[in-house]
Amino acid sequence: MYKHLLIATDGSELAAKAVAQGLGLAKSLNARATIVMVTEPWTAVVSGESAIAFPIEDYERSVLQTANEVLASAAAAAKAKGVDCDTVHAKDQYAAEGIIATATDHGCDLIVMASHGRRGLKRIFLGSQTNSVVTQSTIPVLVCR
């Protein structure tokens, strides 16, 4: 079956549930896990006059601190479950592309991630990274709600 799961997180409560489910699945399959947090480029988050108020150095420091905290928590959860786990901070990428690239680079055979389940106009305006992963990935994707 599956031997190496990629579990995506953004640090949200919903993503934490997907991490827990992914680690539970990895444990039951005696599989390894790689947990990834993708952070977008500064230019995608800040533009125009906001760049003066939020310099790139502050953004990068904040992103690194958050990613380290989220990934350390996920790694501790993996250790508690007895799951062999690596963590990856995929910097300066958009979520879907970073998740797929990390899964490919690490030889993962299943992606586990959460979905906010947005519909209608919210989905159009906010987009769906989960939908992008599902439609672009060449490996299976398990979506947790």
N, C-alpha and C. Protein backbone atom coordinates (compact mmCIF):
# COMPACT_ATOMS: atom_id res chain seq x y z
N MET A 1 0.85 -1.17 0.00
CA MET A 1 0.00 0.00 0.00
C MET A 1 0.89 1.23 0.00
N TYR A 2 0.59 2.22 0.82
CA TYR A 2 1.38 3.45 0.86
C TYR A 2 2.54 3.31 1.83
N LYS A 3 3.69 3.81 1.41
CA LYS A 3 4.90 3.67 2.22
C LYS A 3 5.44 5.00 2.73
N HIS A 4 5.07 6.10 2.05
CA HIS A 4 5.59 7.41 2.43
C HIS A 4 4.54 8.48 2.18
N LEU A 5 3.98 9.01 3.25
CA LEU A 5 2.91 10.00 3.15
C LEU A 5 3.47 11.41 3.27
N LEU A 6 2.99 12.30 2.44
CA LEU A 6 3.26 13.72 2.60
C LEU A 6 2.03 14.31 3.27
N ILE A 7 2.23 14.96 4.40
CA ILE A 7 1.14 15.57 5.14
C ILE A 7 1.36 17.08 5.11
N ALA A 8 0.39 17.80 4.53
CA ALA A 8 0.51 19.25 4.40
C ALA A 8 -0.18 19.94 5.56
N THR A 9 0.44 21.01 6.04
CA THR A 9 -0.16 21.82 7.10
C THR A 9 0.10 23.29 6.84
N ASP A 10 -0.82 24.12 7.31
CA ASP A 10 -0.61 25.56 7.29
C ASP A 10 -0.65 26.12 8.71
N GLY A 11 -0.72 25.23 9.68
CA GLY A 11 -0.75 25.64 11.08
C GLY A 11 -2.14 25.91 11.62
N SER A 12 -3.16 25.80 10.77
CA SER A 12 -4.52 26.05 11.21
C SER A 12 -5.07 24.86 12.01
N GLU A 13 -6.17 25.12 12.70
CA GLU A 13 -6.83 24.05 13.46
C GLU A 13 -7.30 22.93 12.53
N LEU A 14 -7.82 23.30 11.38
CA LEU A 14 -8.28 22.30 10.41
C LEU A 14 -7.10 21.46 9.90
N ALA A 15 -5.99 22.11 9.61
CA ALA A 15 -4.81 21.37 9.14
C ALA A 15 -4.28 20.45 10.23
N ALA A 16 -4.39 20.86 11.48
CA ALA A 16 -3.93 20.01 12.59
C ALA A 16 -4.73 18.71 12.63
N LYS A 17 -6.00 18.78 12.28
CA LYS A 17 -6.81 17.56 12.22
C LYS A 17 -6.32 16.65 11.10
N ALA A 18 -5.95 17.23 9.97
CA ALA A 18 -5.41 16.44 8.86
C ALA A 18 -4.06 15.83 9.23
N VAL A 19 -3.25 16.58 9.97
CA VAL A 19 -1.97 16.04 10.44
C VAL A 19 -2.21 14.83 11.33
N ALA A 20 -3.15 14.97 12.26
CA ALA A 20 -3.46 13.85 13.16
C ALA A 20 -3.97 12.64 12.38
N GLN A 21 -4.86 12.87 11.41
CA GLN A 21 -5.39 11.76 10.62
C GLN A 21 -4.28 11.15 9.75
N GLY A 22 -3.44 11.99 9.17
CA GLY A 22 -2.34 11.48 8.34
C GLY A 22 -1.36 10.66 9.15
N LEU A 23 -1.05 11.14 10.35
CA LEU A 23 -0.12 10.38 11.20
C LEU A 23 -0.75 9.06 11.66
N GLY A 24 -2.05 9.08 11.94
CA GLY A 24 -2.74 7.84 12.29
C GLY A 24 -2.71 6.84 11.16
N LEU A 25 -2.91 7.32 9.95
CA LEU A 25 -2.84 6.45 8.78
C LEU A 25 -1.43 5.92 8.58
N ALA A 26 -0.44 6.80 8.72
CA ALA A 26 0.96 6.36 8.58
C ALA A 26 1.29 5.28 9.61
N LYS A 27 0.84 5.47 10.82
CA LYS A 27 1.08 4.48 11.88
C LYS A 27 0.44 3.14 11.52
N SER A 28 -0.80 3.16 11.06
CA SER A 28 -1.50 1.92 10.75
C SER A 28 -0.88 1.21 9.53
N LEU A 29 -0.27 1.97 8.63
CA LEU A 29 0.35 1.38 7.45
C LEU A 29 1.84 1.10 7.65
N ASN A 30 2.36 1.47 8.82
CA ASN A 30 3.80 1.37 9.08
C ASN A 30 4.58 2.13 8.01
N ALA A 31 4.07 3.33 7.69
CA ALA A 31 4.67 4.16 6.65
C ALA A 31 5.43 5.32 7.27
N ARG A 32 6.32 5.90 6.50
CA ARG A 32 7.02 7.12 6.89
C ARG A 32 6.13 8.32 6.56
N ALA A 33 6.45 9.45 7.16
CA ALA A 33 5.72 10.68 6.85
C ALA A 33 6.69 11.83 6.67
N THR A 34 6.35 12.69 5.76
CA THR A 34 7.02 13.98 5.62
C THR A 34 5.93 15.02 5.78
N ILE A 35 6.16 15.94 6.71
CA ILE A 35 5.18 17.00 6.95
C ILE A 35 5.73 18.29 6.36
N VAL A 36 4.91 18.94 5.54
CA VAL A 36 5.35 20.15 4.84
C VAL A 36 4.48 21.34 5.21
N MET A 37 5.15 22.47 5.37
CA MET A 37 4.46 23.75 5.48
C MET A 37 5.02 24.64 4.38
N VAL A 38 4.13 25.14 3.55
CA VAL A 38 4.53 25.99 2.42
C VAL A 38 4.22 27.44 2.78
N THR A 39 5.19 28.32 2.54
CA THR A 39 4.95 29.74 2.77
C THR A 39 5.17 30.51 1.48
N GLU A 40 4.25 31.41 1.22
CA GLU A 40 4.25 32.16 -0.03
C GLU A 40 5.35 33.21 -0.06
N PRO A 41 5.74 33.60 -1.27
CA PRO A 41 6.74 34.66 -1.39
C PRO A 41 6.21 35.98 -0.83
N TRP A 42 7.09 36.79 -0.32
CA TRP A 42 6.75 38.09 0.23
C TRP A 42 5.95 38.92 -0.77
N THR A 43 6.33 38.86 -2.02
CA THR A 43 5.66 39.65 -3.06
C THR A 43 4.20 39.24 -3.25
N ALA A 44 3.85 38.02 -2.89
CA ALA A 44 2.46 37.56 -3.01
C ALA A 44 1.61 38.06 -1.85
N VAL A 45 2.26 38.38 -0.75
CA VAL A 45 1.55 38.77 0.46
C VAL A 45 1.49 40.29 0.61
N VAL A 46 2.57 40.96 0.22
CA VAL A 46 2.70 42.40 0.43
C VAL A 46 2.91 43.09 -0.90
N SER A 47 2.18 44.19 -1.10
CA SER A 47 2.38 44.95 -2.33
C SER A 47 2.21 46.43 -2.06
N GLY A 48 2.68 47.23 -2.99
CA GLY A 48 2.50 48.68 -2.92
C GLY A 48 3.06 49.30 -1.67
N GLU A 49 2.29 50.23 -1.08
CA GLU A 49 2.74 50.98 0.10
C GLU A 49 2.88 50.09 1.33
N SER A 50 2.22 48.95 1.34
CA SER A 50 2.33 48.03 2.48
C SER A 50 3.76 47.51 2.63
N ALA A 51 4.50 47.49 1.54
CA ALA A 51 5.88 46.99 1.58
C ALA A 51 6.75 47.83 2.50
N ILE A 52 6.45 49.10 2.61
CA ILE A 52 7.23 49.97 3.49
C ILE A 52 6.95 49.63 4.95
N ALA A 53 5.69 49.36 5.26
CA ALA A 53 5.29 49.06 6.63
C ALA A 53 5.66 47.65 7.05
N PHE A 54 5.86 46.75 6.11
CA PHE A 54 6.17 45.35 6.42
C PHE A 54 7.33 44.89 5.55
N PRO A 55 8.55 45.26 5.92
CA PRO A 55 9.72 44.93 5.09
C PRO A 55 9.92 43.42 4.95
N ILE A 56 10.61 43.05 3.89
CA ILE A 56 10.83 41.64 3.59
C ILE A 56 11.54 40.91 4.72
N GLU A 57 12.47 41.59 5.38
CA GLU A 57 13.20 40.94 6.48
C GLU A 57 12.26 40.55 7.62
N ASP A 58 11.32 41.44 7.94
CA ASP A 58 10.34 41.13 9.00
C ASP A 58 9.43 39.98 8.57
N TYR A 59 9.01 39.99 7.32
CA TYR A 59 8.17 38.91 6.80
C TYR A 59 8.89 37.58 6.88
N GLU A 60 10.12 37.53 6.39
CA GLU A 60 10.87 36.27 6.39
C GLU A 60 11.13 35.76 7.80
N ARG A 61 11.43 36.66 8.72
CA ARG A 61 11.67 36.26 10.12
C ARG A 61 10.38 35.69 10.72
N SER A 62 9.26 36.35 10.47
CA SER A 62 7.97 35.89 10.98
C SER A 62 7.57 34.54 10.40
N VAL A 63 7.75 34.40 9.09
CA VAL A 63 7.40 33.14 8.42
C VAL A 63 8.25 31.99 8.93
N LEU A 64 9.54 32.24 9.09
CA LEU A 64 10.44 31.19 9.58
C LEU A 64 10.07 30.76 11.00
N GLN A 65 9.78 31.73 11.86
CA GLN A 65 9.41 31.40 13.23
C GLN A 65 8.11 30.59 13.27
N THR A 66 7.12 31.02 12.51
CA THR A 66 5.85 30.30 12.48
C THR A 66 6.03 28.89 11.94
N ALA A 67 6.75 28.76 10.82
CA ALA A 67 6.97 27.44 10.23
C ALA A 67 7.70 26.52 11.20
N ASN A 68 8.72 27.04 11.88
CA ASN A 68 9.46 26.22 12.84
C ASN A 68 8.56 25.73 13.96
N GLU A 69 7.69 26.61 14.46
CA GLU A 69 6.78 26.23 15.54
C GLU A 69 5.76 25.18 15.08
N VAL A 70 5.16 25.41 13.92
CA VAL A 70 4.16 24.48 13.40
C VAL A 70 4.78 23.12 13.11
N LEU A 71 5.94 23.11 12.47
CA LEU A 71 6.58 21.85 12.12
C LEU A 71 7.12 21.12 13.35
N ALA A 72 7.59 21.85 14.35
CA ALA A 72 8.05 21.21 15.59
C ALA A 72 6.88 20.53 16.30
N SER A 73 5.74 21.18 16.31
CA SER A 73 4.55 20.59 16.93
C SER A 73 4.12 19.33 16.19
N ALA A 74 4.13 19.38 14.87
CA ALA A 74 3.76 18.21 14.06
C ALA A 74 4.76 17.07 14.26
N ALA A 75 6.05 17.41 14.32
CA ALA A 75 7.08 16.38 14.54
C ALA A 75 6.91 15.73 15.91
N ALA A 76 6.54 16.52 16.91
CA ALA A 76 6.31 15.97 18.25
C ALA A 76 5.11 15.02 18.24
N ALA A 77 4.08 15.38 17.48
CA ALA A 77 2.91 14.49 17.37
C ALA A 77 3.29 13.19 16.68
N ALA A 78 4.14 13.26 15.66
CA ALA A 78 4.61 12.05 14.98
C ALA A 78 5.42 11.18 15.92
N LYS A 79 6.30 11.80 16.68
CA LYS A 79 7.13 11.05 17.63
C LYS A 79 6.25 10.36 18.66
N ALA A 80 5.23 11.06 19.15
CA ALA A 80 4.32 10.48 20.15
C ALA A 80 3.59 9.27 19.59
N LYS A 81 3.30 9.27 18.29
CA LYS A 81 2.62 8.14 17.66
C LYS A 81 3.59 7.06 17.20
N GLY A 82 4.89 7.34 17.27
CA GLY A 82 5.88 6.37 16.82
C GLY A 82 6.01 6.31 15.31
N VAL A 83 5.76 7.45 14.64
CA VAL A 83 5.85 7.51 13.18
C VAL A 83 7.17 8.17 12.79
N ASP A 84 7.93 7.51 11.92
CA ASP A 84 9.17 8.08 11.38
C ASP A 84 8.79 9.28 10.52
N CYS A 85 9.32 10.45 10.87
CA CYS A 85 8.83 11.68 10.25
C CYS A 85 9.95 12.68 9.98
N ASP A 86 9.89 13.30 8.81
CA ASP A 86 10.74 14.44 8.47
C ASP A 86 9.83 15.64 8.31
N THR A 87 10.40 16.84 8.45
CA THR A 87 9.62 18.05 8.21
C THR A 87 10.33 18.88 7.15
N VAL A 88 9.52 19.63 6.40
CA VAL A 88 10.04 20.48 5.32
C VAL A 88 9.32 21.82 5.37
N HIS A 89 10.10 22.88 5.33
CA HIS A 89 9.52 24.22 5.15
C HIS A 89 9.82 24.61 3.71
N ALA A 90 8.79 24.61 2.88
CA ALA A 90 8.93 24.98 1.47
C ALA A 90 8.67 26.48 1.36
N LYS A 91 9.76 27.24 1.26
CA LYS A 91 9.66 28.70 1.25
C LYS A 91 9.43 29.24 -0.15
N ASP A 92 8.79 30.40 -0.18
CA ASP A 92 8.63 31.19 -1.41
C ASP A 92 7.96 30.43 -2.54
N GLN A 93 6.93 29.68 -2.19
CA GLN A 93 6.15 28.95 -3.18
C GLN A 93 4.68 29.14 -2.86
N TYR A 94 3.85 28.91 -3.84
CA TYR A 94 2.42 28.89 -3.58
C TYR A 94 2.08 27.50 -3.07
N ALA A 95 1.05 27.41 -2.24
CA ALA A 95 0.77 26.17 -1.50
C ALA A 95 0.70 24.94 -2.39
N ALA A 96 -0.14 24.95 -3.40
CA ALA A 96 -0.33 23.75 -4.23
C ALA A 96 0.99 23.32 -4.89
N GLU A 97 1.68 24.27 -5.47
CA GLU A 97 2.93 23.95 -6.15
C GLU A 97 3.98 23.42 -5.17
N GLY A 98 4.06 24.03 -3.99
CA GLY A 98 5.02 23.59 -2.99
C GLY A 98 4.71 22.20 -2.45
N ILE A 99 3.44 21.91 -2.27
CA ILE A 99 3.04 20.58 -1.78
C ILE A 99 3.38 19.52 -2.81
N ILE A 100 3.01 19.76 -4.05
CA ILE A 100 3.29 18.78 -5.11
C ILE A 100 4.79 18.59 -5.30
N ALA A 101 5.54 19.69 -5.33
CA ALA A 101 6.99 19.59 -5.51
C ALA A 101 7.65 18.84 -4.37
N THR A 102 7.22 19.09 -3.15
CA THR A 102 7.79 18.39 -2.00
C THR A 102 7.47 16.90 -2.05
N ALA A 103 6.24 16.56 -2.40
CA ALA A 103 5.85 15.15 -2.53
C ALA A 103 6.71 14.45 -3.57
N THR A 104 6.92 15.11 -4.69
CA THR A 104 7.74 14.53 -5.76
C THR A 104 9.20 14.40 -5.34
N ASP A 105 9.74 15.47 -4.77
CA ASP A 105 11.16 15.48 -4.37
C ASP A 105 11.47 14.44 -3.31
N HIS A 106 10.50 14.14 -2.45
CA HIS A 106 10.73 13.20 -1.35
C HIS A 106 10.21 11.79 -1.63
N GLY A 107 9.72 11.55 -2.83
CA GLY A 107 9.26 10.22 -3.20
C GLY A 107 8.03 9.76 -2.45
N CYS A 108 7.15 10.67 -2.13
CA CYS A 108 5.92 10.31 -1.40
C CYS A 108 4.92 9.66 -2.35
N ASP A 109 4.12 8.76 -1.81
CA ASP A 109 3.14 8.07 -2.65
C ASP A 109 1.69 8.39 -2.26
N LEU A 110 1.49 9.31 -1.31
CA LEU A 110 0.16 9.78 -0.95
C LEU A 110 0.30 11.15 -0.32
N ILE A 111 -0.55 12.08 -0.71
CA ILE A 111 -0.61 13.40 -0.09
C ILE A 111 -1.84 13.44 0.79
N VAL A 112 -1.68 13.89 2.03
CA VAL A 112 -2.78 14.05 2.97
C VAL A 112 -2.88 15.53 3.30
N MET A 113 -4.07 16.10 3.11
CA MET A 113 -4.25 17.52 3.40
C MET A 113 -5.69 17.82 3.75
N ALA A 114 -5.91 18.98 4.32
CA ALA A 114 -7.25 19.41 4.71
C ALA A 114 -7.88 20.24 3.60
N SER A 115 -9.18 20.38 3.69
CA SER A 115 -9.92 21.28 2.81
C SER A 115 -10.88 22.08 3.66
N HIS A 116 -10.94 23.36 3.40
CA HIS A 116 -11.88 24.22 4.12
C HIS A 116 -13.30 24.04 3.60
N GLY A 117 -13.46 23.41 2.44
CA GLY A 117 -14.79 23.15 1.90
C GLY A 117 -15.53 24.40 1.46
N ARG A 118 -14.80 25.39 1.01
CA ARG A 118 -15.46 26.61 0.55
C ARG A 118 -16.23 26.35 -0.73
N ARG A 119 -17.34 27.09 -0.89
CA ARG A 119 -18.16 26.94 -2.09
C ARG A 119 -18.52 28.32 -2.62
N GLY A 120 -19.06 28.33 -3.82
CA GLY A 120 -19.59 29.55 -4.40
C GLY A 120 -18.56 30.65 -4.56
N LEU A 121 -18.97 31.87 -4.22
CA LEU A 121 -18.11 33.04 -4.42
C LEU A 121 -16.85 32.98 -3.55
N LYS A 122 -16.96 32.44 -2.33
CA LYS A 122 -15.78 32.34 -1.48
C LYS A 122 -14.70 31.51 -2.17
N ARG A 123 -15.10 30.43 -2.82
CA ARG A 123 -14.12 29.58 -3.50
C ARG A 123 -13.51 30.32 -4.69
N ILE A 124 -14.33 31.06 -5.41
CA ILE A 124 -13.83 31.80 -6.57
C ILE A 124 -12.82 32.85 -6.13
N PHE A 125 -13.17 33.61 -5.09
CA PHE A 125 -12.31 34.71 -4.66
C PHE A 125 -11.10 34.23 -3.85
N LEU A 126 -11.28 33.22 -3.04
CA LEU A 126 -10.20 32.74 -2.19
C LEU A 126 -9.39 31.62 -2.83
N GLY A 127 -9.95 30.98 -3.85
CA GLY A 127 -9.26 29.88 -4.49
C GLY A 127 -9.31 28.63 -3.64
N SER A 128 -8.81 27.56 -4.18
CA SER A 128 -8.76 26.32 -3.44
C SER A 128 -7.44 25.63 -3.71
N GLN A 129 -6.55 25.71 -2.75
CA GLN A 129 -5.26 25.04 -2.90
C GLN A 129 -5.46 23.52 -2.94
N THR A 130 -6.42 23.03 -2.17
CA THR A 130 -6.70 21.59 -2.18
C THR A 130 -7.14 21.15 -3.57
N ASN A 131 -8.04 21.90 -4.18
CA ASN A 131 -8.50 21.57 -5.53
C ASN A 131 -7.32 21.58 -6.51
N SER A 132 -6.44 22.54 -6.38
CA SER A 132 -5.27 22.59 -7.26
C SER A 132 -4.38 21.36 -7.08
N VAL A 133 -4.17 20.95 -5.84
CA VAL A 133 -3.35 19.76 -5.60
C VAL A 133 -4.03 18.53 -6.19
N VAL A 134 -5.32 18.38 -5.93
CA VAL A 134 -6.05 17.21 -6.43
C VAL A 134 -5.99 17.14 -7.95
N THR A 135 -6.15 18.27 -8.62
CA THR A 135 -6.20 18.26 -10.09
C THR A 135 -4.83 18.22 -10.74
N GLN A 136 -3.79 18.65 -10.04
CA GLN A 136 -2.46 18.71 -10.65
C GLN A 136 -1.53 17.58 -10.22
N SER A 137 -1.82 16.93 -9.12
CA SER A 137 -0.92 15.89 -8.59
C SER A 137 -1.00 14.62 -9.42
N THR A 138 0.15 13.98 -9.57
CA THR A 138 0.19 12.68 -10.26
C THR A 138 0.11 11.53 -9.25
N ILE A 139 0.12 11.85 -7.96
CA ILE A 139 -0.03 10.80 -6.94
C ILE A 139 -1.37 11.03 -6.22
N PRO A 140 -1.90 10.01 -5.56
CA PRO A 140 -3.19 10.14 -4.89
C PRO A 140 -3.17 11.20 -3.79
N VAL A 141 -4.34 11.81 -3.57
CA VAL A 141 -4.51 12.83 -2.55
C VAL A 141 -5.68 12.43 -1.66
N LEU A 142 -5.43 12.38 -0.36
CA LEU A 142 -6.47 12.13 0.62
C LEU A 142 -6.86 13.46 1.23
N VAL A 143 -8.12 13.86 1.08
CA VAL A 143 -8.59 15.14 1.58
C VAL A 143 -9.37 14.91 2.87
N CYS A 144 -8.96 15.60 3.93
CA CYS A 144 -9.61 15.49 5.23
C CYS A 144 -10.44 16.74 5.45
N ARG A 145 -11.68 16.56 5.93
CA ARG A 145 -12.55 17.72 6.18
C ARG A 145 -12.84 17.83 7.64
